[in-house]
């Protein structure tokens, strides 16, 4: 899982490693940078935000496909 820590694309070395490992792992996925998470106290509070909820749904769907 590649978790973004900024709202920019990962550096080339990180993208390369992610692609290189993808063929050796059961599955890979990425999680976008969500600045609102820095202000949240826990998962229940975080899931009240529409962007966090959408990212969680996408991640759940990707994990169920694997």
PDB file of N, CA and C in Angstrom:
ATOM      1  N   UNK A   1       0.853  -1.149   0.000  1.00  0.00           N
ATOM      2  CA  UNK A   1       0.000   0.000   0.000  1.00  0.00           C
ATOM      3  C   UNK A   1       0.905   1.219   0.000  1.00  0.00           C
ATOM      4  N   UNK A   2       0.661   2.104  -0.928  1.00  0.00           N
ATOM      5  CA  UNK A   2       1.398   3.356  -1.026  1.00  0.00           C
ATOM      6  C   UNK A   2       0.490   4.458  -0.514  1.00  0.00           C
ATOM      7  N   UNK A   3       0.865   5.063   0.606  1.00  0.00           N
ATOM      8  CA  UNK A   3       0.055   6.114   1.220  1.00  0.00           C
ATOM      9  C   UNK A   3       0.730   7.447   0.966  1.00  0.00           C
ATOM     10  N   UNK A   4       0.010   8.340   0.302  1.00  0.00           N
ATOM     11  CA  UNK A   4       0.562   9.660  -0.011  1.00  0.00           C
ATOM     12  C   UNK A   4       0.678  10.500   1.254  1.00  0.00           C
ATOM     13  N   UNK A   5       1.791  11.196   1.399  1.00  0.00           N
ATOM     14  CA  UNK A   5       1.971  12.087   2.547  1.00  0.00           C
ATOM     15  C   UNK A   5       2.016  13.551   2.112  1.00  0.00           C
ATOM     16  N   UNK A   6       1.686  13.785   0.862  1.00  0.00           N
ATOM     17  CA  UNK A   6       1.595  15.143   0.311  1.00  0.00           C
ATOM     18  C   UNK A   6       0.674  15.083  -0.906  1.00  0.00           C
ATOM     19  N   UNK A   7       0.194  16.230  -1.314  1.00  0.00           N
ATOM     20  CA  UNK A   7      -0.750  16.252  -2.439  1.00  0.00           C
ATOM     21  C   UNK A   7      -0.031  16.387  -3.787  1.00  0.00           C
ATOM     22  N   UNK A   8       1.065  15.661  -3.926  1.00  0.00           N
ATOM     23  CA  UNK A   8       1.830  15.620  -5.179  1.00  0.00           C
ATOM     24  C   UNK A   8       2.086  14.158  -5.543  1.00  0.00           C
ATOM     25  N   UNK A   9       2.510  13.937  -6.789  1.00  0.00           N
ATOM     26  CA  UNK A   9       2.830  12.575  -7.213  1.00  0.00           C
ATOM     27  C   UNK A   9       4.037  12.046  -6.441  1.00  0.00           C
ATOM     28  N   UNK A  10       4.094  10.743  -6.217  1.00  0.00           N
ATOM     29  CA  UNK A  10       5.279  10.167  -5.566  1.00  0.00           C
ATOM     30  C   UNK A  10       6.527  10.423  -6.416  1.00  0.00           C
ATOM     31  N   UNK A  11       7.663  10.494  -5.766  1.00  0.00           N
ATOM     32  CA  UNK A  11       8.917  10.697  -6.489  1.00  0.00           C
ATOM     33  C   UNK A  11       9.177   9.491  -7.385  1.00  0.00           C
ATOM     34  N   UNK A  12       9.975   9.674  -8.450  1.00  0.00           N
ATOM     35  CA  UNK A  12      10.218   8.566  -9.385  1.00  0.00           C
ATOM     36  C   UNK A  12      10.718   7.282  -8.726  1.00  0.00           C
ATOM     37  N   UNK A  13      11.584   7.384  -7.741  1.00  0.00           N
ATOM     38  CA  UNK A  13      12.101   6.176  -7.092  1.00  0.00           C
ATOM     39  C   UNK A  13      10.989   5.399  -6.398  1.00  0.00           C
ATOM     40  N   UNK A  14      10.076   6.096  -5.769  1.00  0.00           N
ATOM     41  CA  UNK A  14       8.950   5.430  -5.090  1.00  0.00           C
ATOM     42  C   UNK A  14       8.024   4.782  -6.107  1.00  0.00           C
ATOM     43  N   UNK A  15       7.758   5.480  -7.208  1.00  0.00           N
ATOM     44  CA  UNK A  15       6.905   4.899  -8.253  1.00  0.00           C
ATOM     45  C   UNK A  15       7.546   3.645  -8.842  1.00  0.00           C
ATOM     46  N   UNK A  16       8.867   3.684  -9.053  1.00  0.00           N
ATOM     47  CA  UNK A  16       9.582   2.526  -9.590  1.00  0.00           C
ATOM     48  C   UNK A  16       9.475   1.339  -8.634  1.00  0.00           C
ATOM     49  N   UNK A  17       9.732   1.571  -7.360  1.00  0.00           N
ATOM     50  CA  UNK A  17       9.670   0.479  -6.380  1.00  0.00           C
ATOM     51  C   UNK A  17       8.274  -0.114  -6.295  1.00  0.00           C
ATOM     52  N   UNK A  18       7.276   0.753  -6.350  1.00  0.00           N
ATOM     53  CA  UNK A  18       5.894   0.292  -6.288  1.00  0.00           C
ATOM     54  C   UNK A  18       5.579  -0.610  -7.481  1.00  0.00           C
ATOM     55  N   UNK A  19       5.986  -0.190  -8.681  1.00  0.00           N
ATOM     56  CA  UNK A  19       5.768  -1.010  -9.879  1.00  0.00           C
ATOM     57  C   UNK A  19       6.564  -2.309  -9.809  1.00  0.00           C
ATOM     58  N   UNK A  20       7.814  -2.236  -9.340  1.00  0.00           N
ATOM     59  CA  UNK A  20       8.665  -3.421  -9.258  1.00  0.00           C
ATOM     60  C   UNK A  20       8.094  -4.447  -8.290  1.00  0.00           C
ATOM     61  N   UNK A  21       7.558  -3.979  -7.177  1.00  0.00           N
ATOM     62  CA  UNK A  21       6.999  -4.900  -6.185  1.00  0.00           C
ATOM     63  C   UNK A  21       5.633  -5.442  -6.594  1.00  0.00           C
ATOM     64  N   UNK A  22       4.917  -4.733  -7.434  1.00  0.00           N
ATOM     65  CA  UNK A  22       3.554  -5.131  -7.815  1.00  0.00           C
ATOM     66  C   UNK A  22       3.517  -6.552  -8.383  1.00  0.00           C
ATOM     67  N   UNK A  23       4.528  -6.927  -9.141  1.00  0.00           N
ATOM     68  CA  UNK A  23       4.566  -8.256  -9.725  1.00  0.00           C
ATOM     69  C   UNK A  23       4.887  -9.357  -8.733  1.00  0.00           C
ATOM     70  N   UNK A  24       5.388  -8.990  -7.579  1.00  0.00           N
ATOM     71  CA  UNK A  24       5.799  -9.978  -6.577  1.00  0.00           C
ATOM     72  C   UNK A  24       4.815 -10.104  -5.424  1.00  0.00           C
ATOM     73  N   UNK A  25       3.832  -9.244  -5.388  1.00  0.00           N
ATOM     74  CA  UNK A  25       2.882  -9.231  -4.278  1.00  0.00           C
ATOM     75  C   UNK A  25       1.498  -9.680  -4.739  1.00  0.00           C
ATOM     76  N   UNK A  26       0.680 -10.074  -3.800  1.00  0.00           N
ATOM     77  CA  UNK A  26      -0.686 -10.494  -4.121  1.00  0.00           C
ATOM     78  C   UNK A  26      -1.507  -9.318  -4.647  1.00  0.00           C
ATOM     79  N   UNK A  27      -1.162  -8.110  -4.227  1.00  0.00           N
ATOM     80  CA  UNK A  27      -1.883  -6.939  -4.703  1.00  0.00           C
ATOM     81  C   UNK A  27      -1.239  -5.669  -4.193  1.00  0.00           C
ATOM     82  N   UNK A  28      -1.464  -4.607  -4.895  1.00  0.00           N
ATOM     83  CA  UNK A  28      -0.972  -3.289  -4.488  1.00  0.00           C
ATOM     84  C   UNK A  28      -2.094  -2.281  -4.656  1.00  0.00           C
ATOM     85  N   UNK A  29      -2.015  -1.227  -3.896  1.00  0.00           N
ATOM     86  CA  UNK A  29      -2.989  -0.151  -4.008  1.00  0.00           C
ATOM     87  C   UNK A  29      -2.367   1.117  -3.459  1.00  0.00           C
ATOM     88  N   UNK A  30      -2.979   2.235  -3.754  1.00  0.00           N
ATOM     89  CA  UNK A  30      -2.490   3.500  -3.220  1.00  0.00           C
ATOM     90  C   UNK A  30      -3.638   4.249  -2.557  1.00  0.00           C
ATOM     91  N   UNK A  31      -3.277   5.052  -1.578  1.00  0.00           N
ATOM     92  CA  UNK A  31      -4.241   5.852  -0.828  1.00  0.00           C
ATOM     93  C   UNK A  31      -3.882   7.308  -1.040  1.00  0.00           C
ATOM     94  N   UNK A  32      -4.845   8.147  -1.421  1.00  0.00           N
ATOM     95  CA  UNK A  32      -4.528   9.552  -1.688  1.00  0.00           C
ATOM     96  C   UNK A  32      -4.228  10.326  -0.403  1.00  0.00           C
ATOM     97  N   UNK A  33      -3.592  11.465  -0.573  1.00  0.00           N
ATOM     98  CA  UNK A  33      -3.349  12.366   0.554  1.00  0.00           C
ATOM     99  C   UNK A  33      -4.670  13.025   0.933  1.00  0.00           C
ATOM    100  N   UNK A  34      -5.035  12.927   2.176  1.00  0.00           N
ATOM    101  CA  UNK A  34      -6.271  13.525   2.681  1.00  0.00           C
ATOM    102  C   UNK A  34      -5.908  14.390   3.886  1.00  0.00           C
ATOM    103  N   UNK A  35      -5.743  15.673   3.645  1.00  0.00           N
ATOM    104  CA  UNK A  35      -5.277  16.578   4.701  1.00  0.00           C
ATOM    105  C   UNK A  35      -6.214  16.600   5.905  1.00  0.00           C
ATOM    106  N   UNK A  36      -7.484  16.351   5.690  1.00  0.00           N
ATOM    107  CA  UNK A  36      -8.461  16.378   6.781  1.00  0.00           C
ATOM    108  C   UNK A  36      -8.138  15.331   7.853  1.00  0.00           C
ATOM    109  N   UNK A  37      -7.438  14.268   7.475  1.00  0.00           N
ATOM    110  CA  UNK A  37      -7.105  13.216   8.441  1.00  0.00           C
ATOM    111  C   UNK A  37      -6.201  13.715   9.565  1.00  0.00           C
ATOM    112  N   UNK A  38      -5.443  14.754   9.310  1.00  0.00           N
ATOM    113  CA  UNK A  38      -4.549  15.297  10.342  1.00  0.00           C
ATOM    114  C   UNK A  38      -5.327  15.896  11.510  1.00  0.00           C
ATOM    115  N   UNK A  39      -6.576  16.289  11.264  1.00  0.00           N
ATOM    116  CA  UNK A  39      -7.385  16.925  12.304  1.00  0.00           C
ATOM    117  C   UNK A  39      -8.352  15.954  12.979  1.00  0.00           C
ATOM    118  N   UNK A  40      -8.410  14.732  12.522  1.00  0.00           N
ATOM    119  CA  UNK A  40      -9.375  13.770  13.045  1.00  0.00           C
ATOM    120  C   UNK A  40      -8.836  13.034  14.264  1.00  0.00           C
ATOM    121  N   UNK A  41      -9.725  12.702  15.180  1.00  0.00           N
ATOM    122  CA  UNK A  41      -9.365  11.990  16.402  1.00  0.00           C
ATOM    123  C   UNK A  41      -9.393  10.473  16.233  1.00  0.00           C
ATOM    124  N   UNK A  42     -10.220   9.963  15.340  1.00  0.00           N
ATOM    125  CA  UNK A  42     -10.322   8.515  15.175  1.00  0.00           C
ATOM    126  C   UNK A  42     -11.053   8.158  13.896  1.00  0.00           C
ATOM    127  N   UNK A  43     -11.181   6.855  13.657  1.00  0.00           N
ATOM    128  CA  UNK A  43     -11.801   6.369  12.431  1.00  0.00           C
ATOM    129  C   UNK A  43     -13.262   6.786  12.302  1.00  0.00           C
ATOM    130  N   UNK A  44     -13.998   6.731  13.397  1.00  0.00           N
ATOM    131  CA  UNK A  44     -15.420   7.091  13.332  1.00  0.00           C
ATOM    132  C   UNK A  44     -15.597   8.542  12.887  1.00  0.00           C
ATOM    133  N   UNK A  45     -14.776   9.417  13.445  1.00  0.00           N
ATOM    134  CA  UNK A  45     -14.855  10.830  13.068  1.00  0.00           C
ATOM    135  C   UNK A  45     -14.388  11.025  11.627  1.00  0.00           C
ATOM    136  N   UNK A  46     -13.337  10.346  11.228  1.00  0.00           N
ATOM    137  CA  UNK A  46     -12.805  10.494   9.877  1.00  0.00           C
ATOM    138  C   UNK A  46     -13.825  10.085   8.828  1.00  0.00           C
ATOM    139  N   UNK A  47     -14.583   9.036   9.099  1.00  0.00           N
ATOM    140  CA  UNK A  47     -15.543   8.540   8.109  1.00  0.00           C
ATOM    141  C   UNK A  47     -16.759   9.445   7.948  1.00  0.00           C
ATOM    142  N   UNK A  48     -16.830  10.530   8.701  1.00  0.00           N
ATOM    143  CA  UNK A  48     -17.902  11.499   8.488  1.00  0.00           C
ATOM    144  C   UNK A  48     -17.571  12.441   7.336  1.00  0.00           C
ATOM    145  N   UNK A  49     -16.301  12.482   6.919  1.00  0.00           N
ATOM    146  CA  UNK A  49     -15.873  13.317   5.790  1.00  0.00           C
ATOM    147  C   UNK A  49     -16.110  12.579   4.483  1.00  0.00           C
ATOM    148  N   UNK A  50     -16.708  13.254   3.496  1.00  0.00           N
ATOM    149  CA  UNK A  50     -17.072  12.584   2.242  1.00  0.00           C
ATOM    150  C   UNK A  50     -15.856  12.091   1.455  1.00  0.00           C
ATOM    151  N   UNK A  51     -14.750  12.838   1.466  1.00  0.00           N
ATOM    152  CA  UNK A  51     -13.555  12.412   0.735  1.00  0.00           C
ATOM    153  C   UNK A  51     -12.900  11.196   1.385  1.00  0.00           C
ATOM    154  N   UNK A  52     -12.866  11.185   2.696  1.00  0.00           N
ATOM    155  CA  UNK A  52     -12.307  10.039   3.429  1.00  0.00           C
ATOM    156  C   UNK A  52     -13.183   8.816   3.191  1.00  0.00           C
ATOM    157  N   UNK A  53     -14.478   9.017   3.260  1.00  0.00           N
ATOM    158  CA  UNK A  53     -15.411   7.911   3.046  1.00  0.00           C
ATOM    159  C   UNK A  53     -15.252   7.327   1.640  1.00  0.00           C
ATOM    160  N   UNK A  54     -15.105   8.185   0.638  1.00  0.00           N
ATOM    161  CA  UNK A  54     -14.926   7.725  -0.743  1.00  0.00           C
ATOM    162  C   UNK A  54     -13.614   6.951  -0.894  1.00  0.00           C
ATOM    163  N   UNK A  55     -12.544   7.450  -0.291  1.00  0.00           N
ATOM    164  CA  UNK A  55     -11.248   6.763  -0.369  1.00  0.00           C
ATOM    165  C   UNK A  55     -11.314   5.410   0.338  1.00  0.00           C
ATOM    166  N   UNK A  56     -12.007   5.352   1.472  1.00  0.00           N
ATOM    167  CA  UNK A  56     -12.155   4.089   2.199  1.00  0.00           C
ATOM    168  C   UNK A  56     -12.949   3.070   1.380  1.00  0.00           C
ATOM    169  N   UNK A  57     -14.002   3.524   0.732  1.00  0.00           N
ATOM    170  CA  UNK A  57     -14.802   2.627  -0.117  1.00  0.00           C
ATOM    171  C   UNK A  57     -13.973   2.101  -1.280  1.00  0.00           C
ATOM    172  N   UNK A  58     -13.200   2.974  -1.905  1.00  0.00           N
ATOM    173  CA  UNK A  58     -12.357   2.562  -3.035  1.00  0.00           C
ATOM    174  C   UNK A  58     -11.320   1.546  -2.575  1.00  0.00           C
ATOM    175  N   UNK A  59     -10.699   1.806  -1.427  1.00  0.00           N
ATOM    176  CA  UNK A  59      -9.699   0.887  -0.893  1.00  0.00           C
ATOM    177  C   UNK A  59     -10.328  -0.461  -0.555  1.00  0.00           C
ATOM    178  N   UNK A  60     -11.482  -0.442   0.074  1.00  0.00           N
ATOM    179  CA  UNK A  60     -12.181  -1.680   0.416  1.00  0.00           C
ATOM    180  C   UNK A  60     -12.494  -2.486  -0.847  1.00  0.00           C
ATOM    181  N   UNK A  61     -12.969  -1.811  -1.876  1.00  0.00           N
ATOM    182  CA  UNK A  61     -13.300  -2.483  -3.137  1.00  0.00           C
ATOM    183  C   UNK A  61     -12.046  -3.096  -3.761  1.00  0.00           C
ATOM    184  N   UNK A  62     -10.940  -2.350  -3.771  1.00  0.00           N
ATOM    185  CA  UNK A  62      -9.705  -2.861  -4.352  1.00  0.00           C
ATOM    186  C   UNK A  62      -9.186  -4.067  -3.582  1.00  0.00           C
ATOM    187  N   UNK A  63      -9.324  -4.058  -2.265  1.00  0.00           N
ATOM    188  CA  UNK A  63      -8.853  -5.175  -1.457  1.00  0.00           C
ATOM    189  C   UNK A  63      -9.723  -6.410  -1.648  1.00  0.00           C
ATOM    190  N   UNK A  64     -10.994  -6.229  -1.868  1.00  0.00           N
ATOM    191  CA  UNK A  64     -11.895  -7.374  -2.078  1.00  0.00           C
ATOM    192  C   UNK A  64     -11.668  -8.017  -3.434  1.00  0.00           C
ATOM    193  N   UNK A  65     -11.156  -7.267  -4.410  1.00  0.00           N
ATOM    194  CA  UNK A  65     -10.881  -7.823  -5.734  1.00  0.00           C
ATOM    195  C   UNK A  65      -9.690  -8.764  -5.711  1.00  0.00           C
ATOM    196  N   UNK A  66      -8.797  -8.609  -4.763  1.00  0.00           N
ATOM    197  CA  UNK A  66      -7.537  -9.376  -4.731  1.00  0.00           C
ATOM    198  C   UNK A  66      -7.745 -10.764  -4.203  1.00  0.00           C
TER     199      UNK A  66
END
